Protein backbone atom coordinates (compact mmCIF):
# COMPACT_ATOMS: atom_id res chain seq x y z
CA MET A 1 0.16 -0.21 -0.03
CA GLU A 2 2.02 3.54 -0.95
CA HIS A 3 1.63 5.59 2.13
CA ARG A 4 3.14 9.09 0.38
CA HIS A 5 2.13 12.52 1.06
CA ASP A 6 4.58 14.16 -1.25
CA ARG A 7 6.31 13.32 -4.41
CA ARG A 8 8.88 11.69 -5.30
CA VAL A 9 11.40 12.68 -7.49
CA VAL A 10 13.67 10.54 -9.33
CA CYS A 11 17.41 11.62 -8.99
CA GLU A 12 20.87 9.40 -8.84
CA LEU A 13 22.57 11.14 -5.20
CA SER A 14 25.54 10.10 -3.95
CA VAL A 15 25.23 9.04 0.05
CA GLU A 16 26.79 7.48 2.69
CA LEU A 17 25.99 5.25 6.09
CA PHE A 18 25.99 5.50 8.70
CA ARG A 19 24.99 3.22 11.98
CA ALA A 20 26.16 4.05 15.34
CA GLY A 21 28.23 7.22 14.11
CA VAL A 22 30.01 4.26 12.12
CA SER A 23 29.92 4.61 8.22
CA ILE A 24 28.62 1.47 6.42
CA GLY A 25 29.66 2.15 3.18
CA LYS A 26 27.96 3.60 0.02
CA ALA A 27 24.69 4.07 -1.71
CA THR A 28 23.06 5.49 -4.65
CA ALA A 29 19.64 7.32 -3.93
CA LEU A 30 17.16 6.48 -7.05
CA ASN A 31 14.06 9.33 -5.79
CA ILE A 32 13.84 11.48 -2.91
CA SER A 33 11.03 13.66 -1.23
CA ASN A 34 10.73 15.13 2.47
CA GLU A 35 9.54 12.13 3.70
CA GLY A 36 12.33 9.60 2.67
CA ALA A 37 14.30 7.78 -0.44
CA HIS A 38 14.51 4.68 -2.02
CA ILE A 39 18.08 3.59 -1.96
CA ARG A 40 20.29 1.44 -4.45
CA THR A 41 22.49 -0.23 -2.03
CA ASP A 42 23.98 -3.92 -1.19
CA ILE A 43 24.63 -3.01 2.09
CA HIS A 44 22.99 -5.80 4.73
CA LEU A 45 19.85 -2.86 6.20
CA LYS A 46 17.39 -3.95 9.08
CA ARG A 47 13.35 -3.48 8.62
CA SER A 48 12.67 -0.60 10.93
CA GLU A 49 16.10 0.51 11.90
CA MET A 50 17.21 4.07 12.97
CA ILE A 51 21.02 5.26 10.42
CA ASN A 52 22.32 8.27 9.74
CA VAL A 53 22.78 9.70 5.81
CA VAL A 54 24.98 11.57 4.70
CA PHE A 55 24.99 13.35 0.71
CA LEU A 56 27.58 13.55 -0.39
CA GLU A 57 29.37 16.71 -2.30
CA ASP A 58 28.74 15.71 -5.60
CA ALA A 59 25.01 15.47 -4.01
CA THR A 60 24.13 19.05 -2.39
CA ILE A 61 21.09 20.43 -3.92
CA PRO A 62 21.14 23.92 -1.89
CA GLY A 63 18.51 23.90 0.60
CA TRP A 64 18.64 20.48 1.47
CA PRO A 65 20.36 18.65 4.81
CA MET A 66 24.41 17.49 4.19
CA ARG A 67 22.44 14.39 6.86
CA GLU A 68 19.51 13.24 7.26
CA ARG A 69 18.03 11.07 10.26
CA ALA A 70 16.04 7.84 7.67
CA ILE A 71 14.14 4.60 9.89
CA VAL A 72 14.78 2.23 7.20
CA ALA A 73 11.03 1.18 5.88
CA HIS A 74 11.62 -1.42 3.93
CA VAL A 75 14.43 -3.43 2.52
CA ALA A 76 14.49 -5.50 -0.88
CA ASP A 77 17.47 -7.62 -2.82
CA GLY A 78 20.00 -4.53 -3.57
CA HIS A 79 17.31 -1.49 -3.10
CA ALA A 80 15.50 -0.02 0.40
CA GLY A 81 13.00 2.71 0.81
CA LEU A 82 14.08 5.17 4.12
CA TRP A 83 11.38 7.25 6.14
CA PHE A 84 12.88 10.51 7.10
CA GLY A 85 10.43 10.72 10.18
CA ARG A 86 7.41 14.22 8.80
CA ILE A 87 5.23 14.53 6.65
CA GLU A 88 5.30 17.61 5.53
CA LYS A 89 1.42 19.43 6.18
CA ARG A 90 0.20 20.87 2.58
């Protein structure tokens, strides 16, 4: 079931993932919104775990944070869905 409130923007942004302050590797965000992102990664992530996502220099966007906390919403072979934990009200 779809729970998105904001439109996801297709992209290819380099990110680095951190667990408890320790880098666990790099990934690619394939689409992103204020609510979350869909990433391509081979990193073993667990559903419902909290991670930090750091947007690397080649992925900086004016007004977008350099670092974002995220909850792993779902995982699949080579992909994961992240939720940033907020929904913008219209």
